[in-house]
Amino acid sequence: MDFGFTREELRIIRPYNTPRKIQDFLDTIPMNFEREKPTSYSPRQVLREWRAHCIEGAALAAAMLRLAGWRPLVIDLRSIMRDFDHVVAVFQIDGCWGAISKTNHGVLRYREAIYKTVRELALSFFHEYFTDDGVKTLREYSRIVDLSRFDRTHWMTTENQLWDICAYIDAVRHYPILTRAQIARLRRADPIEREMGKLQEWSQARNQNDPIRLVK
């Protein structure tokens, strides 16, 4: 099935038919800094605009997984109010979970399919999920959301933005990863960790259509 993608769109994305290949493709797409207004691009719009932030990248990755015969699954990683949530596409190989991630940071990236549960997968993001002053902010992860539930809206190829999917992912059940006692005992990230956390892949100072990145 082509799920409504054009022949040209399929020519671009169909060769990326495994999670690691999809991650490689996602890494070539510049970061969407939403300079003009907030966006929630569909996979088709990402391919046309050639930029994406985390949930846009997750939706595109889920669509590409589906074209390759996988289920289009995502989860939400929820942080405290002073930080941002992060959405990733998830996949399962030999009973273990991995993740495809679009991020501008040096961490919070691809996860190999080595985690026995989605909770284990979510916890793998914990220690690198902190603010500039070192406060560790990851608190919850969502249940798995199968984006095929939105097929009636043609979410992969629609010219409408995916605000309904954003709202649904935010509203589904989330599971805490820490107790109050554990939160109270959290240590801030070390200064060297904070410095490394400042590393970004795409610069806001560059033209977003410029394919040159700051790091390889």
N, C-alpha and C. Protein backbone atom coordinates (compact mmCIF):
# COMPACT_ATOMS: atom_id res chain seq x y z
N MET A 1 0.84 -1.20 0.00
CA MET A 1 0.00 0.00 0.00
C MET A 1 0.87 1.25 0.00
N ASP A 2 0.37 2.30 -0.64
CA ASP A 2 1.14 3.55 -0.66
C ASP A 2 0.57 4.59 0.29
N PHE A 3 -0.61 4.33 0.89
CA PHE A 3 -1.23 5.20 1.90
C PHE A 3 -1.41 6.64 1.42
N GLY A 4 -1.52 6.83 0.12
CA GLY A 4 -1.79 8.16 -0.41
C GLY A 4 -0.56 8.96 -0.78
N PHE A 5 0.64 8.43 -0.55
CA PHE A 5 1.84 9.13 -0.97
C PHE A 5 1.96 9.12 -2.50
N THR A 6 2.53 10.16 -3.03
CA THR A 6 2.76 10.22 -4.47
C THR A 6 3.94 9.34 -4.85
N ARG A 7 4.07 9.09 -6.14
CA ARG A 7 5.19 8.28 -6.63
C ARG A 7 6.53 8.92 -6.27
N GLU A 8 6.60 10.25 -6.38
CA GLU A 8 7.85 10.95 -6.05
C GLU A 8 8.15 10.85 -4.55
N GLU A 9 7.13 11.00 -3.72
CA GLU A 9 7.35 10.87 -2.28
C GLU A 9 7.83 9.47 -1.93
N LEU A 10 7.22 8.47 -2.55
CA LEU A 10 7.62 7.09 -2.29
C LEU A 10 9.04 6.83 -2.78
N ARG A 11 9.41 7.44 -3.88
CA ARG A 11 10.77 7.28 -4.39
C ARG A 11 11.79 7.77 -3.37
N ILE A 12 11.43 8.83 -2.66
CA ILE A 12 12.33 9.41 -1.68
C ILE A 12 12.42 8.56 -0.42
N ILE A 13 11.28 8.11 0.09
CA ILE A 13 11.29 7.51 1.43
C ILE A 13 11.28 5.99 1.46
N ARG A 14 10.85 5.32 0.39
CA ARG A 14 10.72 3.87 0.42
C ARG A 14 12.05 3.14 0.64
N PRO A 15 13.18 3.64 0.11
CA PRO A 15 14.44 2.93 0.35
C PRO A 15 14.83 2.84 1.82
N TYR A 16 14.28 3.70 2.65
CA TYR A 16 14.60 3.70 4.09
C TYR A 16 13.58 2.81 4.79
N ASN A 17 13.88 1.52 4.81
CA ASN A 17 12.88 0.52 5.19
C ASN A 17 13.22 -0.25 6.46
N THR A 18 14.17 0.25 7.24
CA THR A 18 14.46 -0.32 8.55
C THR A 18 14.57 0.82 9.55
N PRO A 19 14.42 0.57 10.84
CA PRO A 19 14.52 1.65 11.81
C PRO A 19 15.82 2.44 11.71
N ARG A 20 16.96 1.77 11.55
CA ARG A 20 18.21 2.52 11.51
C ARG A 20 18.32 3.36 10.23
N LYS A 21 17.80 2.84 9.11
CA LYS A 21 17.81 3.62 7.88
C LYS A 21 16.88 4.83 8.00
N ILE A 22 15.74 4.63 8.64
CA ILE A 22 14.80 5.74 8.84
C ILE A 22 15.43 6.81 9.71
N GLN A 23 16.15 6.40 10.76
CA GLN A 23 16.85 7.38 11.59
C GLN A 23 17.89 8.13 10.79
N ASP A 24 18.63 7.42 9.95
CA ASP A 24 19.62 8.09 9.09
C ASP A 24 18.95 9.15 8.22
N PHE A 25 17.80 8.81 7.65
CA PHE A 25 17.07 9.77 6.81
C PHE A 25 16.60 10.96 7.63
N LEU A 26 16.06 10.70 8.80
CA LEU A 26 15.55 11.77 9.66
C LEU A 26 16.67 12.74 10.04
N ASP A 27 17.87 12.21 10.20
CA ASP A 27 19.00 13.05 10.59
C ASP A 27 19.41 14.03 9.49
N THR A 28 19.00 13.79 8.25
CA THR A 28 19.35 14.71 7.16
C THR A 28 18.39 15.89 7.08
N ILE A 29 17.27 15.81 7.78
CA ILE A 29 16.25 16.86 7.70
C ILE A 29 16.58 17.96 8.72
N PRO A 30 16.68 19.21 8.28
CA PRO A 30 16.99 20.30 9.21
C PRO A 30 15.93 20.43 10.31
N MET A 31 16.35 21.01 11.42
CA MET A 31 15.46 21.22 12.55
C MET A 31 14.45 22.32 12.24
N ASN A 32 13.22 22.11 12.61
CA ASN A 32 12.18 23.12 12.48
C ASN A 32 12.15 23.96 13.75
N PHE A 33 12.63 25.18 13.65
CA PHE A 33 12.65 26.07 14.81
C PHE A 33 11.36 26.88 14.96
N GLU A 34 10.38 26.62 14.11
CA GLU A 34 9.08 27.31 14.18
C GLU A 34 9.27 28.82 14.29
N ARG A 35 10.03 29.37 13.36
CA ARG A 35 10.37 30.79 13.43
C ARG A 35 9.18 31.71 13.27
N GLU A 36 8.21 31.30 12.47
CA GLU A 36 7.07 32.18 12.22
C GLU A 36 5.90 31.89 13.14
N LYS A 37 5.58 30.61 13.34
CA LYS A 37 4.48 30.23 14.22
C LYS A 37 4.61 28.74 14.52
N PRO A 38 3.92 28.26 15.56
CA PRO A 38 3.98 26.82 15.88
C PRO A 38 3.43 25.99 14.73
N THR A 39 4.04 24.83 14.53
CA THR A 39 3.59 23.93 13.48
C THR A 39 3.47 22.51 14.00
N SER A 40 2.69 21.73 13.30
CA SER A 40 2.61 20.29 13.53
C SER A 40 2.42 19.63 12.17
N TYR A 41 3.49 19.64 11.39
CA TYR A 41 3.43 19.19 10.01
C TYR A 41 3.10 17.70 9.90
N SER A 42 2.33 17.37 8.88
CA SER A 42 2.12 15.97 8.52
C SER A 42 3.39 15.45 7.85
N PRO A 43 3.55 14.14 7.71
CA PRO A 43 4.71 13.61 6.99
C PRO A 43 4.87 14.23 5.59
N ARG A 44 3.78 14.39 4.85
CA ARG A 44 3.89 15.01 3.52
C ARG A 44 4.42 16.43 3.63
N GLN A 45 3.93 17.19 4.59
CA GLN A 45 4.39 18.57 4.75
C GLN A 45 5.85 18.63 5.16
N VAL A 46 6.30 17.69 5.98
CA VAL A 46 7.72 17.64 6.35
C VAL A 46 8.58 17.44 5.11
N LEU A 47 8.18 16.51 4.25
CA LEU A 47 8.95 16.26 3.04
C LEU A 47 9.00 17.48 2.13
N ARG A 48 7.91 18.24 2.09
CA ARG A 48 7.87 19.44 1.25
C ARG A 48 8.64 20.60 1.87
N GLU A 49 8.40 20.84 3.15
CA GLU A 49 9.05 21.97 3.83
C GLU A 49 10.50 21.66 4.17
N TRP A 50 10.82 20.38 4.25
CA TRP A 50 12.17 19.88 4.54
C TRP A 50 12.70 20.45 5.87
N ARG A 51 11.88 20.30 6.89
CA ARG A 51 12.28 20.63 8.26
C ARG A 51 11.30 19.94 9.19
N ALA A 52 11.74 19.67 10.41
CA ALA A 52 10.88 18.95 11.36
C ALA A 52 11.39 19.16 12.78
N HIS A 53 10.45 19.23 13.73
CA HIS A 53 10.83 19.12 15.14
C HIS A 53 10.39 17.74 15.62
N CYS A 54 10.43 17.51 16.94
CA CYS A 54 10.36 16.13 17.43
C CYS A 54 9.09 15.38 17.04
N ILE A 55 7.91 15.98 17.25
CA ILE A 55 6.69 15.24 16.96
C ILE A 55 6.47 15.12 15.45
N GLU A 56 6.92 16.10 14.69
CA GLU A 56 6.85 16.00 13.23
C GLU A 56 7.76 14.89 12.73
N GLY A 57 8.95 14.80 13.30
CA GLY A 57 9.86 13.72 12.94
C GLY A 57 9.33 12.37 13.35
N ALA A 58 8.70 12.31 14.53
CA ALA A 58 8.14 11.04 15.00
C ALA A 58 7.01 10.57 14.08
N ALA A 59 6.17 11.51 13.62
CA ALA A 59 5.08 11.13 12.71
C ALA A 59 5.62 10.64 11.38
N LEU A 60 6.64 11.33 10.86
CA LEU A 60 7.24 10.89 9.60
C LEU A 60 7.89 9.52 9.78
N ALA A 61 8.61 9.32 10.86
CA ALA A 61 9.24 8.02 11.11
C ALA A 61 8.20 6.92 11.23
N ALA A 62 7.08 7.21 11.91
CA ALA A 62 6.01 6.22 12.05
C ALA A 62 5.42 5.87 10.69
N ALA A 63 5.25 6.89 9.84
CA ALA A 63 4.72 6.64 8.50
C ALA A 63 5.68 5.79 7.68
N MET A 64 6.96 6.07 7.79
CA MET A 64 7.96 5.30 7.05
C MET A 64 8.05 3.87 7.57
N LEU A 65 7.94 3.70 8.88
CA LEU A 65 7.88 2.35 9.44
C LEU A 65 6.69 1.59 8.87
N ARG A 66 5.55 2.28 8.76
CA ARG A 66 4.35 1.61 8.25
C ARG A 66 4.52 1.18 6.80
N LEU A 67 5.12 2.03 6.00
CA LEU A 67 5.37 1.66 4.61
C LEU A 67 6.26 0.42 4.51
N ALA A 68 7.12 0.24 5.51
CA ALA A 68 8.02 -0.90 5.53
C ALA A 68 7.42 -2.12 6.23
N GLY A 69 6.14 -2.02 6.64
CA GLY A 69 5.46 -3.17 7.22
C GLY A 69 5.38 -3.20 8.72
N TRP A 70 5.81 -2.10 9.39
CA TRP A 70 5.74 -2.00 10.84
C TRP A 70 4.46 -1.26 11.22
N ARG A 71 4.10 -1.31 12.49
CA ARG A 71 2.99 -0.50 12.99
C ARG A 71 3.49 0.92 13.26
N PRO A 72 2.66 1.95 13.00
CA PRO A 72 3.07 3.35 13.21
C PRO A 72 2.86 3.78 14.66
N LEU A 73 3.82 3.49 15.50
CA LEU A 73 3.68 3.68 16.94
C LEU A 73 4.55 4.84 17.44
N VAL A 74 4.00 5.59 18.40
CA VAL A 74 4.76 6.66 19.05
C VAL A 74 4.48 6.64 20.55
N ILE A 75 5.39 7.24 21.30
CA ILE A 75 5.15 7.51 22.73
C ILE A 75 5.57 8.93 23.04
N ASP A 76 5.01 9.47 24.11
CA ASP A 76 5.34 10.80 24.60
C ASP A 76 6.18 10.67 25.86
N LEU A 77 7.25 11.44 25.93
CA LEU A 77 8.06 11.55 27.15
C LEU A 77 7.73 12.90 27.76
N ARG A 78 7.17 12.90 28.95
CA ARG A 78 6.66 14.14 29.55
C ARG A 78 7.62 14.65 30.61
N SER A 79 7.88 15.94 30.54
CA SER A 79 8.78 16.59 31.49
C SER A 79 8.01 17.52 32.41
N ILE A 80 8.73 18.14 33.34
CA ILE A 80 8.11 19.16 34.18
C ILE A 80 7.85 20.40 33.35
N MET A 81 7.09 21.35 33.88
CA MET A 81 6.61 22.48 33.12
C MET A 81 7.72 23.33 32.54
N ARG A 82 8.87 23.40 33.19
CA ARG A 82 9.92 24.30 32.73
C ARG A 82 10.72 23.71 31.56
N ASP A 83 10.40 22.50 31.16
CA ASP A 83 11.10 21.86 30.06
C ASP A 83 10.08 21.42 29.01
N PHE A 84 10.54 20.78 27.94
CA PHE A 84 9.68 20.38 26.84
C PHE A 84 9.50 18.87 26.81
N ASP A 85 8.29 18.43 26.43
CA ASP A 85 8.06 17.01 26.18
C ASP A 85 8.81 16.59 24.92
N HIS A 86 8.93 15.28 24.75
CA HIS A 86 9.62 14.75 23.57
C HIS A 86 8.83 13.54 23.08
N VAL A 87 8.53 13.50 21.80
CA VAL A 87 7.78 12.39 21.20
C VAL A 87 8.71 11.60 20.29
N VAL A 88 8.69 10.27 20.41
CA VAL A 88 9.53 9.41 19.58
C VAL A 88 8.67 8.32 18.94
N ALA A 89 9.09 7.87 17.77
CA ALA A 89 8.49 6.67 17.16
C ALA A 89 9.16 5.45 17.78
N VAL A 90 8.36 4.42 18.07
CA VAL A 90 8.92 3.22 18.70
C VAL A 90 8.65 2.00 17.82
N PHE A 91 9.52 1.02 17.96
CA PHE A 91 9.43 -0.20 17.17
C PHE A 91 9.92 -1.36 18.02
N GLN A 92 9.57 -2.56 17.61
CA GLN A 92 9.92 -3.75 18.36
C GLN A 92 10.60 -4.77 17.44
N ILE A 93 11.73 -5.31 17.92
CA ILE A 93 12.46 -6.35 17.20
C ILE A 93 12.78 -7.46 18.19
N ASP A 94 12.40 -8.68 17.87
CA ASP A 94 12.67 -9.83 18.74
C ASP A 94 12.19 -9.58 20.17
N GLY A 95 11.03 -8.94 20.29
CA GLY A 95 10.44 -8.72 21.61
C GLY A 95 11.02 -7.56 22.39
N CYS A 96 11.97 -6.81 21.80
CA CYS A 96 12.59 -5.68 22.49
C CYS A 96 12.27 -4.38 21.77
N TRP A 97 12.22 -3.30 22.55
CA TRP A 97 11.79 -2.00 22.03
C TRP A 97 12.97 -1.08 21.74
N GLY A 98 12.83 -0.30 20.66
CA GLY A 98 13.77 0.75 20.32
C GLY A 98 13.01 2.00 19.92
N ALA A 99 13.73 3.07 19.60
CA ALA A 99 13.07 4.34 19.28
C ALA A 99 13.82 5.10 18.20
N ILE A 100 13.05 5.81 17.38
CA ILE A 100 13.58 6.74 16.39
C ILE A 100 13.23 8.14 16.86
N SER A 101 14.20 9.04 16.86
CA SER A 101 14.01 10.34 17.50
C SER A 101 14.54 11.47 16.64
N LYS A 102 13.76 12.55 16.54
CA LYS A 102 14.20 13.78 15.91
C LYS A 102 14.46 14.80 17.00
N THR A 103 15.71 15.19 17.17
CA THR A 103 16.08 16.14 18.21
C THR A 103 17.22 16.99 17.72
N ASN A 104 17.37 18.16 18.29
CA ASN A 104 18.49 19.03 17.95
C ASN A 104 19.63 18.88 18.92
N HIS A 105 19.46 18.02 19.91
CA HIS A 105 20.47 17.87 20.96
C HIS A 105 21.38 16.68 20.68
N GLY A 106 22.52 16.67 21.34
CA GLY A 106 23.47 15.59 21.18
C GLY A 106 23.01 14.29 21.83
N VAL A 107 21.96 14.37 22.63
CA VAL A 107 21.41 13.19 23.31
C VAL A 107 19.92 13.09 22.98
N LEU A 108 19.19 12.25 23.67
CA LEU A 108 17.76 12.03 23.41
C LEU A 108 17.54 11.54 21.97
N ARG A 109 18.45 10.70 21.50
CA ARG A 109 18.45 10.32 20.10
C ARG A 109 17.99 8.86 19.92
N TYR A 110 18.40 8.23 18.84
CA TYR A 110 18.01 6.86 18.49
C TYR A 110 18.32 5.90 19.63
N ARG A 111 17.43 4.94 19.83
CA ARG A 111 17.63 3.89 20.82
C ARG A 111 17.57 2.54 20.12
N GLU A 112 18.59 1.73 20.35
CA GLU A 112 18.61 0.38 19.80
C GLU A 112 17.48 -0.44 20.42
N ALA A 113 17.03 -1.44 19.70
CA ALA A 113 15.94 -2.31 20.19
C ALA A 113 16.51 -3.34 21.15
N ILE A 114 16.81 -2.87 22.38
CA ILE A 114 17.39 -3.73 23.42
C ILE A 114 16.59 -3.69 24.72
N TYR A 115 15.49 -2.92 24.73
CA TYR A 115 14.73 -2.70 25.96
C TYR A 115 13.52 -3.62 26.02
N LYS A 116 13.39 -4.35 27.12
CA LYS A 116 12.33 -5.36 27.22
C LYS A 116 10.94 -4.75 27.36
N THR A 117 10.86 -3.56 27.90
CA THR A 117 9.57 -2.89 28.07
C THR A 117 9.68 -1.45 27.60
N VAL A 118 8.54 -0.82 27.35
CA VAL A 118 8.53 0.59 26.98
C VAL A 118 9.01 1.44 28.16
N ARG A 119 8.74 0.99 29.37
CA ARG A 119 9.26 1.73 30.53
C ARG A 119 10.78 1.75 30.53
N GLU A 120 11.40 0.61 30.27
CA GLU A 120 12.86 0.57 30.19
C GLU A 120 13.36 1.53 29.12
N LEU A 121 12.68 1.53 27.98
CA LEU A 121 13.06 2.43 26.89
C LEU A 121 12.96 3.89 27.34
N ALA A 122 11.86 4.25 27.99
CA ALA A 122 11.68 5.62 28.45
C ALA A 122 12.75 6.00 29.47
N LEU A 123 13.09 5.08 30.36
CA LEU A 123 14.10 5.37 31.38
C LEU A 123 15.47 5.63 30.77
N SER A 124 15.72 5.09 29.58
CA SER A 124 17.02 5.29 28.95
C SER A 124 17.26 6.76 28.60
N PHE A 125 16.20 7.56 28.55
CA PHE A 125 16.34 8.98 28.26
C PHE A 125 16.53 9.82 29.52
N PHE A 126 16.39 9.23 30.70
CA PHE A 126 16.25 10.03 31.92
C PHE A 126 17.47 10.90 32.24
N HIS A 127 18.66 10.31 32.31
CA HIS A 127 19.81 11.05 32.83
C HIS A 127 20.29 12.17 31.91
N GLU A 128 19.96 12.10 30.64
CA GLU A 128 20.36 13.16 29.71
C GLU A 128 19.24 14.18 29.48
N TYR A 129 18.15 14.03 30.20
CA TYR A 129 16.99 14.91 30.02
C TYR A 129 17.02 15.95 31.14
N PHE A 130 17.74 17.07 30.88
CA PHE A 130 17.86 18.09 31.94
C PHE A 130 17.91 19.48 31.32
N THR A 131 17.66 20.48 32.15
CA THR A 131 17.67 21.88 31.73
C THR A 131 19.10 22.41 31.72
N ASP A 132 19.25 23.66 31.26
CA ASP A 132 20.58 24.26 31.19
C ASP A 132 21.25 24.35 32.55
N ASP A 133 20.46 24.44 33.62
CA ASP A 133 21.05 24.50 34.96
C ASP A 133 21.13 23.13 35.62
N GLY A 134 20.91 22.07 34.85
CA GLY A 134 21.19 20.72 35.34
C GLY A 134 20.04 20.02 36.04
N VAL A 135 18.85 20.61 36.07
CA VAL A 135 17.72 19.97 36.73
C VAL A 135 17.18 18.85 35.84
N LYS A 136 17.11 17.63 36.37
CA LYS A 136 16.61 16.48 35.62
C LYS A 136 15.08 16.54 35.60
N THR A 137 14.50 16.54 34.41
CA THR A 137 13.11 16.94 34.27
C THR A 137 12.15 15.86 33.77
N LEU A 138 12.64 14.73 33.31
CA LEU A 138 11.74 13.70 32.77
C LEU A 138 10.94 13.08 33.91
N ARG A 139 9.63 13.00 33.74
CA ARG A 139 8.77 12.52 34.82
C ARG A 139 7.83 11.39 34.41
N GLU A 140 7.37 11.35 33.17
CA GLU A 140 6.37 10.36 32.77
C GLU A 140 6.60 9.91 31.33
N TYR A 141 6.02 8.78 31.00
CA TYR A 141 5.97 8.34 29.61
C TYR A 141 4.54 7.89 29.33
N SER A 142 4.13 8.01 28.09
CA SER A 142 2.75 7.68 27.74
C SER A 142 2.63 6.21 27.35
N ARG A 143 1.40 5.73 27.32
CA ARG A 143 1.17 4.44 26.70
C ARG A 143 1.45 4.58 25.21
N ILE A 144 1.64 3.48 24.54
CA ILE A 144 1.91 3.49 23.11
C ILE A 144 0.67 3.98 22.35
N VAL A 145 0.88 4.87 21.41
CA VAL A 145 -0.20 5.37 20.55
C VAL A 145 0.04 4.85 19.14
N ASP A 146 -0.94 4.12 18.62
CA ASP A 146 -0.89 3.63 17.24
C ASP A 146 -1.55 4.66 16.34
N LEU A 147 -0.76 5.32 15.50
CA LEU A 147 -1.29 6.41 14.69
C LEU A 147 -2.27 5.96 13.62
N SER A 148 -2.38 4.65 13.40
CA SER A 148 -3.37 4.18 12.42
C SER A 148 -4.80 4.50 12.86
N ARG A 149 -5.00 4.80 14.14
CA ARG A 149 -6.32 5.20 14.60
C ARG A 149 -6.76 6.51 13.94
N PHE A 150 -5.82 7.25 13.36
CA PHE A 150 -6.14 8.51 12.71
C PHE A 150 -6.20 8.38 11.19
N ASP A 151 -6.28 7.16 10.68
CA ASP A 151 -6.27 6.96 9.23
C ASP A 151 -7.41 7.69 8.53
N ARG A 152 -8.53 7.85 9.21
CA ARG A 152 -9.66 8.54 8.58
C ARG A 152 -9.33 9.99 8.26
N THR A 153 -8.33 10.55 8.94
CA THR A 153 -7.92 11.94 8.67
C THR A 153 -6.79 12.02 7.65
N HIS A 154 -6.34 10.84 7.16
CA HIS A 154 -5.24 10.79 6.19
C HIS A 154 -4.00 11.51 6.74
N TRP A 155 -3.65 11.19 7.98
CA TRP A 155 -2.61 11.91 8.71
C TRP A 155 -1.25 11.89 8.03
N MET A 156 -0.98 10.89 7.22
CA MET A 156 0.33 10.81 6.58
C MET A 156 0.48 11.78 5.42
N THR A 157 -0.63 12.08 4.74
CA THR A 157 -0.55 12.88 3.52
C THR A 157 -1.45 14.12 3.53
N THR A 158 -2.09 14.40 4.64
CA THR A 158 -2.98 15.55 4.71
C THR A 158 -2.22 16.87 4.58
N GLU A 159 -2.91 17.87 4.06
CA GLU A 159 -2.36 19.23 4.03
C GLU A 159 -2.74 19.99 5.30
N ASN A 160 -3.52 19.35 6.18
CA ASN A 160 -3.82 19.94 7.47
C ASN A 160 -2.74 19.55 8.48
N GLN A 161 -2.51 20.41 9.43
CA GLN A 161 -1.52 20.09 10.45
C GLN A 161 -2.12 19.13 11.48
N LEU A 162 -1.25 18.43 12.18
CA LEU A 162 -1.68 17.31 13.02
C LEU A 162 -1.95 17.71 14.47
N TRP A 163 -2.67 18.80 14.67
CA TRP A 163 -2.95 19.24 16.03
C TRP A 163 -3.83 18.25 16.78
N ASP A 164 -4.71 17.53 16.08
CA ASP A 164 -5.55 16.53 16.75
C ASP A 164 -4.71 15.39 17.31
N ILE A 165 -3.67 15.01 16.58
CA ILE A 165 -2.78 13.96 17.08
C ILE A 165 -1.98 14.45 18.27
N CYS A 166 -1.51 15.69 18.19
CA CYS A 166 -0.78 16.27 19.33
C CYS A 166 -1.64 16.25 20.59
N ALA A 167 -2.90 16.68 20.45
CA ALA A 167 -3.81 16.73 21.60
C ALA A 167 -4.08 15.33 22.14
N TYR A 168 -4.25 14.37 21.25
CA TYR A 168 -4.52 13.00 21.70
C TYR A 168 -3.33 12.43 22.45
N ILE A 169 -2.14 12.60 21.91
CA ILE A 169 -0.95 12.07 22.57
C ILE A 169 -0.77 12.69 23.95
N ASP A 170 -1.07 13.96 24.06
CA ASP A 170 -0.94 14.63 25.36
C ASP A 170 -1.98 14.14 26.35
N ALA A 171 -3.15 13.73 25.85
CA ALA A 171 -4.26 13.36 26.74
C ALA A 171 -4.26 11.90 27.17
N VAL A 172 -3.56 11.02 26.43
CA VAL A 172 -3.60 9.60 26.79
C VAL A 172 -2.92 9.37 28.13
N ARG A 173 -3.14 8.20 28.66
CA ARG A 173 -2.57 7.88 29.97
C ARG A 173 -1.05 7.93 29.94
N HIS A 174 -0.49 8.60 30.95
CA HIS A 174 0.94 8.66 31.16
C HIS A 174 1.29 7.98 32.48
N TYR A 175 2.46 7.38 32.52
CA TYR A 175 2.88 6.62 33.69
C TYR A 175 4.08 7.30 34.35
N PRO A 176 4.03 7.49 35.67
CA PRO A 176 5.16 8.12 36.35
C PRO A 176 6.39 7.22 36.36
N ILE A 177 7.55 7.83 36.29
CA ILE A 177 8.78 7.04 36.36
C ILE A 177 9.54 7.25 37.67
N LEU A 178 9.07 8.20 38.49
CA LEU A 178 9.72 8.49 39.77
C LEU A 178 8.68 8.63 40.87
N THR A 179 9.07 8.30 42.09
CA THR A 179 8.26 8.60 43.26
C THR A 179 8.62 10.00 43.75
N ARG A 180 7.81 10.54 44.63
CA ARG A 180 8.11 11.86 45.20
C ARG A 180 9.43 11.84 45.95
N ALA A 181 9.70 10.74 46.65
CA ALA A 181 10.96 10.62 47.40
C ALA A 181 12.15 10.61 46.44
N GLN A 182 12.01 9.92 45.32
CA GLN A 182 13.10 9.89 44.34
C GLN A 182 13.32 11.26 43.73
N ILE A 183 12.24 11.97 43.47
CA ILE A 183 12.37 13.32 42.92
C ILE A 183 13.11 14.22 43.90
N ALA A 184 12.80 14.11 45.17
CA ALA A 184 13.44 14.94 46.19
C ALA A 184 14.94 14.67 46.30
N ARG A 185 15.37 13.47 45.93
CA ARG A 185 16.78 13.11 46.06
C ARG A 185 17.58 13.34 44.78
N LEU A 186 16.95 13.82 43.74
CA LEU A 186 17.66 13.95 42.47
C LEU A 186 18.83 14.93 42.58
N ARG A 187 19.93 14.54 41.99
CA ARG A 187 21.13 15.38 41.91
C ARG A 187 21.14 16.06 40.55
N ARG A 188 21.62 17.28 40.51
CA ARG A 188 21.71 17.99 39.24
C ARG A 188 22.81 17.38 38.38
N ALA A 189 22.65 17.52 37.08
CA ALA A 189 23.69 17.07 36.16
C ALA A 189 24.98 17.83 36.43
N ASP A 190 26.10 17.15 36.26
CA ASP A 190 27.41 17.77 36.47
C ASP A 190 27.64 18.92 35.49
N PRO A 191 28.52 19.87 35.87
CA PRO A 191 28.82 20.97 34.93
C PRO A 191 29.28 20.49 33.56
N ILE A 192 30.07 19.42 33.51
CA ILE A 192 30.54 18.94 32.21
C ILE A 192 29.37 18.34 31.41
N GLU A 193 28.41 17.72 32.11
CA GLU A 193 27.21 17.22 31.42
C GLU A 193 26.40 18.38 30.86
N ARG A 194 26.28 19.45 31.65
CA ARG A 194 25.52 20.60 31.19
C ARG A 194 26.17 21.23 29.96
N GLU A 195 27.51 21.27 29.98
CA GLU A 195 28.22 21.83 28.83
C GLU A 195 28.00 20.97 27.59
N MET A 196 28.07 19.66 27.77
CA MET A 196 27.80 18.76 26.64
C MET A 196 26.36 18.88 26.16
N GLY A 197 25.45 19.16 27.10
CA GLY A 197 24.04 19.29 26.76
C GLY A 197 23.75 20.48 25.86
N LYS A 198 24.69 21.42 25.79
CA LYS A 198 24.50 22.60 24.94
C LYS A 198 24.80 22.31 23.47
N LEU A 199 25.40 21.16 23.20
CA LEU A 199 25.73 20.81 21.83
C LEU A 199 24.46 20.62 21.01
N GLN A 200 24.38 21.32 19.89
CA GLN A 200 23.21 21.22 19.02
C GLN A 200 23.63 20.85 17.61
N GLU A 201 22.77 20.13 16.92
CA GLU A 201 23.07 19.64 15.59
C GLU A 201 22.83 20.69 14.52
N TRP A 202 21.73 21.44 14.66
CA TRP A 202 21.37 22.44 13.66
C TRP A 202 21.37 23.81 14.31
N SER A 203 21.95 24.79 13.65
CA SER A 203 22.05 26.14 14.20
C SER A 203 20.89 26.99 13.73
N GLN A 204 20.29 27.74 14.66
CA GLN A 204 19.22 28.66 14.28
C GLN A 204 19.74 29.82 13.45
N ALA A 205 21.05 30.06 13.51
CA ALA A 205 21.63 31.18 12.78
C ALA A 205 21.74 30.90 11.29
N ARG A 206 21.67 29.61 10.91
CA ARG A 206 21.81 29.25 9.50
C ARG A 206 20.44 29.22 8.83
N ASN A 207 20.45 29.33 7.53
CA ASN A 207 19.24 29.12 6.76
C ASN A 207 18.79 27.68 6.95
N GLN A 208 17.51 27.47 7.26
CA GLN A 208 17.03 26.12 7.54
C GLN A 208 17.11 25.21 6.32
N ASN A 209 17.22 25.79 5.12
CA ASN A 209 17.34 24.97 3.93
C ASN A 209 18.80 24.58 3.64
N ASP A 210 19.71 25.10 4.43
CA ASP A 210 21.13 24.78 4.26
C ASP A 210 21.38 23.40 4.86
N PRO A 211 21.87 22.45 4.06
CA PRO A 211 22.04 21.09 4.58
C PRO A 211 23.28 20.91 5.45
N ILE A 212 24.08 21.96 5.63
CA ILE A 212 25.29 21.81 6.45
C ILE A 212 24.93 21.82 7.91
N ARG A 213 25.42 20.83 8.65
CA ARG A 213 25.14 20.74 10.08
C ARG A 213 26.36 21.16 10.88
N LEU A 214 26.15 21.42 12.16
CA LEU A 214 27.25 21.81 13.03
C LEU A 214 28.08 20.60 13.46
N VAL A 215 27.44 19.46 13.60
CA VAL A 215 28.16 18.25 14.01
C VAL A 215 27.78 17.12 13.07
N LYS A 216 28.62 16.14 13.00
CA LYS A 216 28.34 14.98 12.16
C LYS A 216 27.56 13.93 12.93
